[in-house]
């Protein structure tokens, strides 16, 4: 049985369209974020996995904003396809990533991120089956 690992990656609208149309992202490498040993060490005394997962998703949201992307995606990939980076929650995941590996999409509330840079970034949740709905929301912004 393959051990899976949750990663959080920033996606542009172009990548979302490619995922919708081709049912996978074909890149060979994805910079992403996940719960790593380094991230756990950076929060001593915190044993709650949900806290670490939330922190990884926030790191991905910050990276998305820096890239001009609007979406953080949560995907479950084989443990062996993920290499921890040198800092905190950064990881590199090997592709391709089929749509069936995506658990959810999280749209960044752009106004909240700009107005309150020192606060957590608000993310609107979309199930992986709602990719078309997410693209409609982005298109109507």
N, C-alpha and C. Protein backbone atom coordinates (compact mmCIF):
# COMPACT_ATOMS: atom_id res chain seq x y z
N UNK A 1 0.85 -1.20 0.00
CA UNK A 1 0.00 0.00 0.00
C UNK A 1 0.88 1.25 0.00
N UNK A 2 0.55 2.18 -0.85
CA UNK A 2 1.33 3.41 -0.98
C UNK A 2 0.92 4.40 0.11
N UNK A 3 1.91 4.96 0.78
CA UNK A 3 1.66 6.00 1.77
C UNK A 3 1.49 7.32 1.04
N UNK A 4 0.43 8.03 1.37
CA UNK A 4 0.12 9.30 0.71
C UNK A 4 0.50 10.46 1.62
N UNK A 5 0.76 11.58 0.99
CA UNK A 5 1.12 12.80 1.72
C UNK A 5 0.36 13.97 1.11
N UNK A 6 -0.19 14.81 1.97
CA UNK A 6 -0.92 16.00 1.53
C UNK A 6 0.07 17.12 1.23
N UNK A 7 -0.05 17.69 0.04
CA UNK A 7 0.75 18.86 -0.32
C UNK A 7 -0.19 20.00 -0.67
N UNK A 8 0.32 21.20 -0.56
CA UNK A 8 -0.43 22.41 -0.91
C UNK A 8 0.39 23.15 -1.95
N UNK A 9 -0.22 23.39 -3.11
CA UNK A 9 0.51 24.07 -4.15
C UNK A 9 -0.31 25.22 -4.71
N UNK A 10 0.41 26.24 -5.12
CA UNK A 10 -0.22 27.42 -5.70
C UNK A 10 -0.45 27.17 -7.17
N UNK A 11 -1.65 27.54 -7.65
CA UNK A 11 -1.99 27.32 -9.05
C UNK A 11 -2.50 28.62 -9.68
N UNK A 12 -2.04 28.85 -10.89
CA UNK A 12 -2.52 29.98 -11.66
C UNK A 12 -3.81 29.58 -12.37
N UNK A 13 -4.51 30.57 -12.90
CA UNK A 13 -5.72 30.28 -13.67
C UNK A 13 -5.39 29.41 -14.88
N UNK A 14 -4.26 29.65 -15.52
CA UNK A 14 -3.86 28.85 -16.68
C UNK A 14 -3.67 27.38 -16.28
N UNK A 15 -3.07 27.14 -15.12
CA UNK A 15 -2.89 25.76 -14.65
C UNK A 15 -4.24 25.11 -14.33
N UNK A 16 -5.15 25.89 -13.75
CA UNK A 16 -6.48 25.36 -13.45
C UNK A 16 -7.22 24.97 -14.73
N UNK A 17 -7.10 25.81 -15.76
CA UNK A 17 -7.72 25.49 -17.04
C UNK A 17 -7.10 24.23 -17.65
N UNK A 18 -5.79 24.11 -17.56
CA UNK A 18 -5.12 22.92 -18.08
C UNK A 18 -5.55 21.68 -17.31
N UNK A 19 -5.74 21.82 -16.00
CA UNK A 19 -6.19 20.70 -15.18
C UNK A 19 -7.61 20.30 -15.56
N UNK A 20 -8.47 21.28 -15.77
CA UNK A 20 -9.85 20.98 -16.19
C UNK A 20 -9.88 20.31 -17.56
N UNK A 21 -9.12 20.85 -18.49
CA UNK A 21 -9.18 20.36 -19.87
C UNK A 21 -8.43 19.04 -20.07
N UNK A 22 -7.28 18.89 -19.42
CA UNK A 22 -6.46 17.70 -19.63
C UNK A 22 -6.55 16.66 -18.53
N UNK A 23 -7.29 16.99 -17.46
CA UNK A 23 -7.49 16.09 -16.32
C UNK A 23 -6.21 15.79 -15.55
N UNK A 24 -5.14 16.54 -15.82
CA UNK A 24 -3.91 16.42 -15.05
C UNK A 24 -3.02 17.62 -15.33
N UNK A 25 -2.10 17.86 -14.40
CA UNK A 25 -1.04 18.84 -14.62
C UNK A 25 0.20 18.04 -15.02
N UNK A 26 0.77 18.38 -16.15
CA UNK A 26 1.81 17.54 -16.74
C UNK A 26 3.23 17.96 -16.36
N UNK A 27 3.39 18.99 -15.55
CA UNK A 27 4.73 19.41 -15.14
C UNK A 27 5.45 18.24 -14.49
N UNK A 28 6.77 18.21 -14.62
CA UNK A 28 7.56 17.15 -13.99
C UNK A 28 7.88 17.47 -12.54
N UNK A 29 7.77 18.75 -12.17
CA UNK A 29 8.16 19.18 -10.83
C UNK A 29 7.22 20.28 -10.36
N UNK A 30 6.84 20.21 -9.09
CA UNK A 30 5.98 21.23 -8.50
C UNK A 30 6.58 21.69 -7.19
N UNK A 31 6.77 23.00 -7.04
CA UNK A 31 7.13 23.55 -5.75
C UNK A 31 5.86 23.62 -4.94
N UNK A 32 5.90 23.12 -3.73
CA UNK A 32 4.69 23.04 -2.91
C UNK A 32 5.07 23.19 -1.44
N UNK A 33 4.08 22.98 -0.59
CA UNK A 33 4.26 23.05 0.85
C UNK A 33 3.57 21.86 1.49
N UNK A 34 4.12 21.39 2.59
CA UNK A 34 3.56 20.24 3.30
C UNK A 34 4.06 20.27 4.74
N UNK A 35 3.51 19.41 5.55
CA UNK A 35 4.02 19.27 6.91
C UNK A 35 5.33 18.49 6.82
N UNK A 36 6.40 19.14 7.26
CA UNK A 36 7.73 18.53 7.22
C UNK A 36 8.30 18.48 8.64
N UNK A 37 9.38 17.74 8.80
CA UNK A 37 10.05 17.71 10.10
C UNK A 37 10.52 19.10 10.50
N UNK A 38 11.03 19.87 9.53
CA UNK A 38 11.49 21.23 9.81
C UNK A 38 10.33 22.12 10.25
N UNK A 39 9.17 21.96 9.63
CA UNK A 39 8.00 22.75 10.01
C UNK A 39 7.55 22.38 11.43
N UNK A 40 7.56 21.10 11.74
CA UNK A 40 7.20 20.66 13.10
C UNK A 40 8.17 21.23 14.12
N UNK A 41 9.47 21.21 13.79
CA UNK A 41 10.48 21.72 14.71
C UNK A 41 10.32 23.23 14.94
N UNK A 42 9.79 23.91 13.94
CA UNK A 42 9.58 25.35 14.07
C UNK A 42 8.41 25.71 14.96
N UNK A 43 7.62 24.73 15.37
CA UNK A 43 6.49 24.94 16.27
C UNK A 43 6.58 23.96 17.44
N UNK A 44 7.60 24.14 18.28
CA UNK A 44 7.77 23.19 19.39
C UNK A 44 6.55 23.20 20.31
N UNK A 45 6.19 22.03 20.76
CA UNK A 45 5.06 21.90 21.67
C UNK A 45 3.72 21.76 20.96
N UNK A 46 3.70 21.90 19.64
CA UNK A 46 2.45 21.76 18.89
C UNK A 46 2.41 20.34 18.32
N UNK A 47 1.48 19.54 18.82
CA UNK A 47 1.35 18.16 18.36
C UNK A 47 0.15 17.94 17.47
N UNK A 48 -0.62 18.97 17.23
CA UNK A 48 -1.85 18.85 16.46
C UNK A 48 -1.55 18.92 14.97
N UNK A 49 -1.79 17.83 14.24
CA UNK A 49 -1.52 17.80 12.80
C UNK A 49 -2.32 18.85 12.05
N UNK A 50 -3.53 19.15 12.51
CA UNK A 50 -4.35 20.16 11.81
C UNK A 50 -3.69 21.53 11.86
N UNK A 51 -3.04 21.85 12.96
CA UNK A 51 -2.33 23.13 13.07
C UNK A 51 -1.20 23.18 12.05
N UNK A 52 -0.45 22.09 11.92
CA UNK A 52 0.64 22.05 10.95
C UNK A 52 0.11 22.09 9.51
N UNK A 53 -0.98 21.41 9.22
CA UNK A 53 -1.58 21.44 7.89
C UNK A 53 -2.05 22.86 7.55
N UNK A 54 -2.69 23.51 8.52
CA UNK A 54 -3.16 24.87 8.31
C UNK A 54 -1.98 25.80 8.00
N UNK A 55 -0.90 25.64 8.76
CA UNK A 55 0.28 26.48 8.55
C UNK A 55 0.86 26.25 7.15
N UNK A 56 0.90 25.00 6.70
CA UNK A 56 1.41 24.70 5.35
C UNK A 56 0.52 25.34 4.29
N UNK A 57 -0.80 25.31 4.50
CA UNK A 57 -1.71 25.93 3.52
C UNK A 57 -1.53 27.45 3.50
N UNK A 58 -1.26 28.05 4.65
CA UNK A 58 -1.02 29.49 4.71
C UNK A 58 0.29 29.85 4.02
N UNK A 59 1.32 29.01 4.20
CA UNK A 59 2.59 29.24 3.50
C UNK A 59 2.37 29.19 1.99
N UNK A 60 1.56 28.23 1.54
CA UNK A 60 1.25 28.12 0.11
C UNK A 60 0.48 29.35 -0.37
N UNK A 61 -0.42 29.85 0.45
CA UNK A 61 -1.18 31.05 0.07
C UNK A 61 -0.26 32.26 -0.07
N UNK A 62 0.69 32.41 0.84
CA UNK A 62 1.65 33.50 0.73
C UNK A 62 2.48 33.38 -0.55
N UNK A 63 2.89 32.16 -0.87
CA UNK A 63 3.65 31.93 -2.10
C UNK A 63 2.79 32.23 -3.32
N UNK A 64 1.52 31.85 -3.26
CA UNK A 64 0.61 32.12 -4.38
C UNK A 64 0.47 33.62 -4.61
N UNK A 65 0.29 34.36 -3.55
CA UNK A 65 0.15 35.82 -3.67
C UNK A 65 1.41 36.41 -4.29
N UNK A 66 2.58 35.94 -3.85
CA UNK A 66 3.84 36.43 -4.39
C UNK A 66 3.97 36.14 -5.89
N UNK A 67 3.37 35.04 -6.34
CA UNK A 67 3.42 34.67 -7.77
C UNK A 67 2.29 35.28 -8.59
N UNK A 68 1.35 35.94 -7.91
CA UNK A 68 0.19 36.46 -8.61
C UNK A 68 -0.88 35.42 -8.86
N UNK A 69 -0.79 34.27 -8.19
CA UNK A 69 -1.78 33.21 -8.32
C UNK A 69 -2.91 33.45 -7.33
N UNK A 70 -4.08 32.87 -7.60
CA UNK A 70 -5.25 33.08 -6.76
C UNK A 70 -5.69 31.84 -6.00
N UNK A 71 -5.08 30.70 -6.28
CA UNK A 71 -5.60 29.45 -5.74
C UNK A 71 -4.49 28.62 -5.11
N UNK A 72 -4.84 28.01 -3.98
CA UNK A 72 -4.02 26.98 -3.35
C UNK A 72 -4.80 25.68 -3.51
N UNK A 73 -4.12 24.66 -3.99
CA UNK A 73 -4.76 23.35 -4.14
C UNK A 73 -4.16 22.39 -3.13
N UNK A 74 -5.02 21.53 -2.58
CA UNK A 74 -4.57 20.46 -1.71
C UNK A 74 -4.62 19.17 -2.51
N UNK A 75 -3.51 18.46 -2.55
CA UNK A 75 -3.44 17.22 -3.32
C UNK A 75 -2.77 16.14 -2.47
N UNK A 76 -3.19 14.92 -2.67
CA UNK A 76 -2.60 13.78 -1.98
C UNK A 76 -1.75 13.01 -2.98
N UNK A 77 -0.45 12.95 -2.69
CA UNK A 77 0.50 12.32 -3.61
C UNK A 77 1.27 11.24 -2.88
N UNK A 78 1.88 10.36 -3.62
CA UNK A 78 2.69 9.30 -3.02
C UNK A 78 3.86 9.90 -2.25
N UNK A 79 4.07 9.41 -1.05
CA UNK A 79 5.16 9.90 -0.20
C UNK A 79 6.49 9.93 -0.94
N UNK A 80 6.74 8.91 -1.73
CA UNK A 80 8.00 8.81 -2.45
C UNK A 80 8.19 9.84 -3.55
N UNK A 81 7.14 10.54 -3.91
CA UNK A 81 7.26 11.56 -4.96
C UNK A 81 7.49 12.96 -4.40
N UNK A 82 7.66 13.04 -3.07
CA UNK A 82 7.84 14.34 -2.41
C UNK A 82 9.23 14.38 -1.74
N UNK A 83 9.94 15.46 -1.99
CA UNK A 83 11.24 15.69 -1.35
C UNK A 83 11.13 16.96 -0.52
N UNK A 84 11.48 16.84 0.76
CA UNK A 84 11.45 18.02 1.63
C UNK A 84 12.53 19.00 1.20
N UNK A 85 12.20 20.28 1.27
CA UNK A 85 13.15 21.32 0.94
C UNK A 85 14.04 21.64 2.12
N UNK A 86 14.77 22.73 2.00
CA UNK A 86 15.72 23.12 3.04
C UNK A 86 15.11 24.02 4.10
N UNK A 87 13.89 24.47 3.89
CA UNK A 87 13.30 25.43 4.82
C UNK A 87 11.86 25.07 5.13
N UNK A 88 11.54 25.10 6.38
CA UNK A 88 10.18 24.93 6.89
C UNK A 88 9.34 23.93 6.11
N UNK A 89 8.26 24.41 5.51
CA UNK A 89 7.28 23.52 4.88
C UNK A 89 7.47 23.35 3.39
N UNK A 90 8.54 23.90 2.83
CA UNK A 90 8.75 23.79 1.38
C UNK A 90 9.10 22.36 0.99
N UNK A 91 8.48 21.90 -0.10
CA UNK A 91 8.75 20.59 -0.65
C UNK A 91 8.75 20.68 -2.17
N UNK A 92 9.25 19.66 -2.80
CA UNK A 92 9.18 19.51 -4.25
C UNK A 92 8.46 18.19 -4.50
N UNK A 93 7.43 18.24 -5.35
CA UNK A 93 6.67 17.05 -5.69
C UNK A 93 6.89 16.75 -7.17
N UNK A 94 7.04 15.47 -7.47
CA UNK A 94 7.21 15.04 -8.86
C UNK A 94 5.84 14.89 -9.51
N UNK A 95 5.75 15.32 -10.77
CA UNK A 95 4.52 15.18 -11.53
C UNK A 95 4.60 14.01 -12.46
N UNK A 96 3.58 13.85 -13.26
CA UNK A 96 2.38 14.69 -13.36
C UNK A 96 1.43 14.46 -12.17
N UNK A 97 0.47 15.40 -12.05
CA UNK A 97 -0.54 15.31 -10.99
C UNK A 97 -1.92 15.17 -11.63
N UNK A 98 -2.51 13.98 -11.58
CA UNK A 98 -3.85 13.81 -12.14
C UNK A 98 -4.91 14.46 -11.27
N UNK A 99 -6.00 14.87 -11.88
CA UNK A 99 -7.09 15.53 -11.16
C UNK A 99 -7.59 14.69 -9.99
N UNK A 100 -7.58 13.38 -10.12
CA UNK A 100 -8.09 12.52 -9.04
C UNK A 100 -7.25 12.62 -7.77
N UNK A 101 -6.06 13.18 -7.83
CA UNK A 101 -5.21 13.35 -6.64
C UNK A 101 -5.54 14.62 -5.87
N UNK A 102 -6.32 15.52 -6.48
CA UNK A 102 -6.65 16.79 -5.83
C UNK A 102 -7.84 16.58 -4.89
N UNK A 103 -7.69 17.07 -3.67
CA UNK A 103 -8.74 16.95 -2.66
C UNK A 103 -9.63 18.19 -2.64
N UNK A 104 -9.02 19.36 -2.84
CA UNK A 104 -9.78 20.60 -2.76
C UNK A 104 -8.98 21.74 -3.36
N UNK A 105 -9.70 22.82 -3.61
CA UNK A 105 -9.10 24.06 -4.10
C UNK A 105 -9.52 25.17 -3.15
N UNK A 106 -8.62 26.14 -2.95
CA UNK A 106 -8.87 27.22 -2.00
C UNK A 106 -8.58 28.55 -2.68
N UNK A 107 -9.63 29.33 -2.89
CA UNK A 107 -9.51 30.63 -3.55
C UNK A 107 -9.11 31.67 -2.52
N UNK A 108 -8.06 32.42 -2.83
CA UNK A 108 -7.57 33.46 -1.93
C UNK A 108 -8.49 34.66 -2.00
N UNK A 109 -8.92 35.12 -0.83
CA UNK A 109 -9.71 36.34 -0.74
C UNK A 109 -8.73 37.50 -0.89
N UNK A 110 -8.61 37.99 -2.12
CA UNK A 110 -7.62 39.01 -2.44
C UNK A 110 -7.73 40.26 -1.61
N UNK A 111 -8.94 40.70 -1.33
CA UNK A 111 -9.11 41.92 -0.54
C UNK A 111 -8.59 41.73 0.87
N UNK A 112 -8.88 40.61 1.48
CA UNK A 112 -8.44 40.36 2.84
C UNK A 112 -6.92 40.28 2.91
N UNK A 113 -6.32 39.63 1.92
CA UNK A 113 -4.86 39.49 1.91
C UNK A 113 -4.18 40.84 1.78
N UNK A 114 -4.75 41.73 0.97
CA UNK A 114 -4.15 43.05 0.76
C UNK A 114 -4.40 43.99 1.95
N UNK A 115 -5.59 43.90 2.52
CA UNK A 115 -5.96 44.81 3.61
C UNK A 115 -5.34 44.43 4.95
N UNK A 116 -5.07 43.16 5.15
CA UNK A 116 -4.57 42.69 6.45
C UNK A 116 -3.38 41.75 6.26
N UNK A 117 -2.23 42.28 5.81
CA UNK A 117 -1.09 41.41 5.49
C UNK A 117 -0.52 40.65 6.69
N UNK A 118 -0.78 41.12 7.91
CA UNK A 118 -0.24 40.45 9.09
C UNK A 118 -1.18 39.40 9.66
N UNK A 119 -2.34 39.21 9.04
CA UNK A 119 -3.31 38.23 9.52
C UNK A 119 -3.33 37.02 8.59
N UNK A 120 -3.94 35.95 9.09
CA UNK A 120 -4.09 34.76 8.26
C UNK A 120 -4.85 35.11 6.98
N UNK A 121 -4.50 34.44 5.91
CA UNK A 121 -5.13 34.68 4.62
C UNK A 121 -6.42 33.87 4.56
N UNK A 122 -7.50 34.55 4.23
CA UNK A 122 -8.79 33.86 4.13
C UNK A 122 -8.86 33.11 2.80
N UNK A 123 -9.30 31.86 2.89
CA UNK A 123 -9.39 31.00 1.72
C UNK A 123 -10.80 30.44 1.61
N UNK A 124 -11.41 30.58 0.45
CA UNK A 124 -12.72 30.00 0.19
C UNK A 124 -12.51 28.59 -0.35
N UNK A 125 -13.18 27.62 0.26
CA UNK A 125 -12.97 26.20 -0.05
C UNK A 125 -13.88 25.73 -1.17
N UNK A 126 -13.30 24.96 -2.11
CA UNK A 126 -14.05 24.31 -3.18
C UNK A 126 -13.64 22.85 -3.23
N UNK A 127 -14.60 21.96 -3.27
CA UNK A 127 -14.31 20.55 -3.44
C UNK A 127 -13.65 20.34 -4.81
N UNK A 128 -12.87 19.29 -4.94
CA UNK A 128 -12.19 19.01 -6.21
C UNK A 128 -13.18 18.84 -7.36
N UNK A 129 -14.39 18.39 -7.05
CA UNK A 129 -15.40 18.23 -8.11
C UNK A 129 -15.97 19.56 -8.57
N UNK A 130 -15.63 20.65 -7.88
CA UNK A 130 -16.16 21.97 -8.21
C UNK A 130 -15.15 22.84 -8.97
N UNK A 131 -14.23 22.21 -9.67
CA UNK A 131 -13.23 22.97 -10.42
C UNK A 131 -13.88 23.93 -11.42
N UNK A 132 -14.92 23.48 -12.10
CA UNK A 132 -15.62 24.36 -13.04
C UNK A 132 -16.26 25.55 -12.34
N UNK A 133 -16.84 25.32 -11.19
CA UNK A 133 -17.44 26.40 -10.40
C UNK A 133 -16.37 27.40 -9.98
N UNK A 134 -15.25 26.89 -9.51
CA UNK A 134 -14.13 27.76 -9.12
C UNK A 134 -13.68 28.63 -10.29
N UNK A 135 -13.54 28.05 -11.46
CA UNK A 135 -13.14 28.82 -12.63
C UNK A 135 -14.18 29.88 -12.99
N UNK A 136 -15.45 29.57 -12.81
CA UNK A 136 -16.51 30.56 -13.05
C UNK A 136 -16.39 31.72 -12.06
N UNK A 137 -16.13 31.41 -10.81
CA UNK A 137 -15.98 32.46 -9.79
C UNK A 137 -14.79 33.36 -10.14
N UNK A 138 -13.68 32.75 -10.51
CA UNK A 138 -12.49 33.53 -10.88
C UNK A 138 -12.80 34.41 -12.10
N UNK A 139 -13.49 33.86 -13.07
CA UNK A 139 -13.84 34.58 -14.29
C UNK A 139 -14.74 35.78 -14.01
N UNK A 140 -15.57 35.69 -12.97
CA UNK A 140 -16.52 36.76 -12.66
C UNK A 140 -16.01 37.75 -11.63
N UNK A 141 -14.75 37.64 -11.27
CA UNK A 141 -14.19 38.61 -10.30
C UNK A 141 -13.78 39.88 -10.98
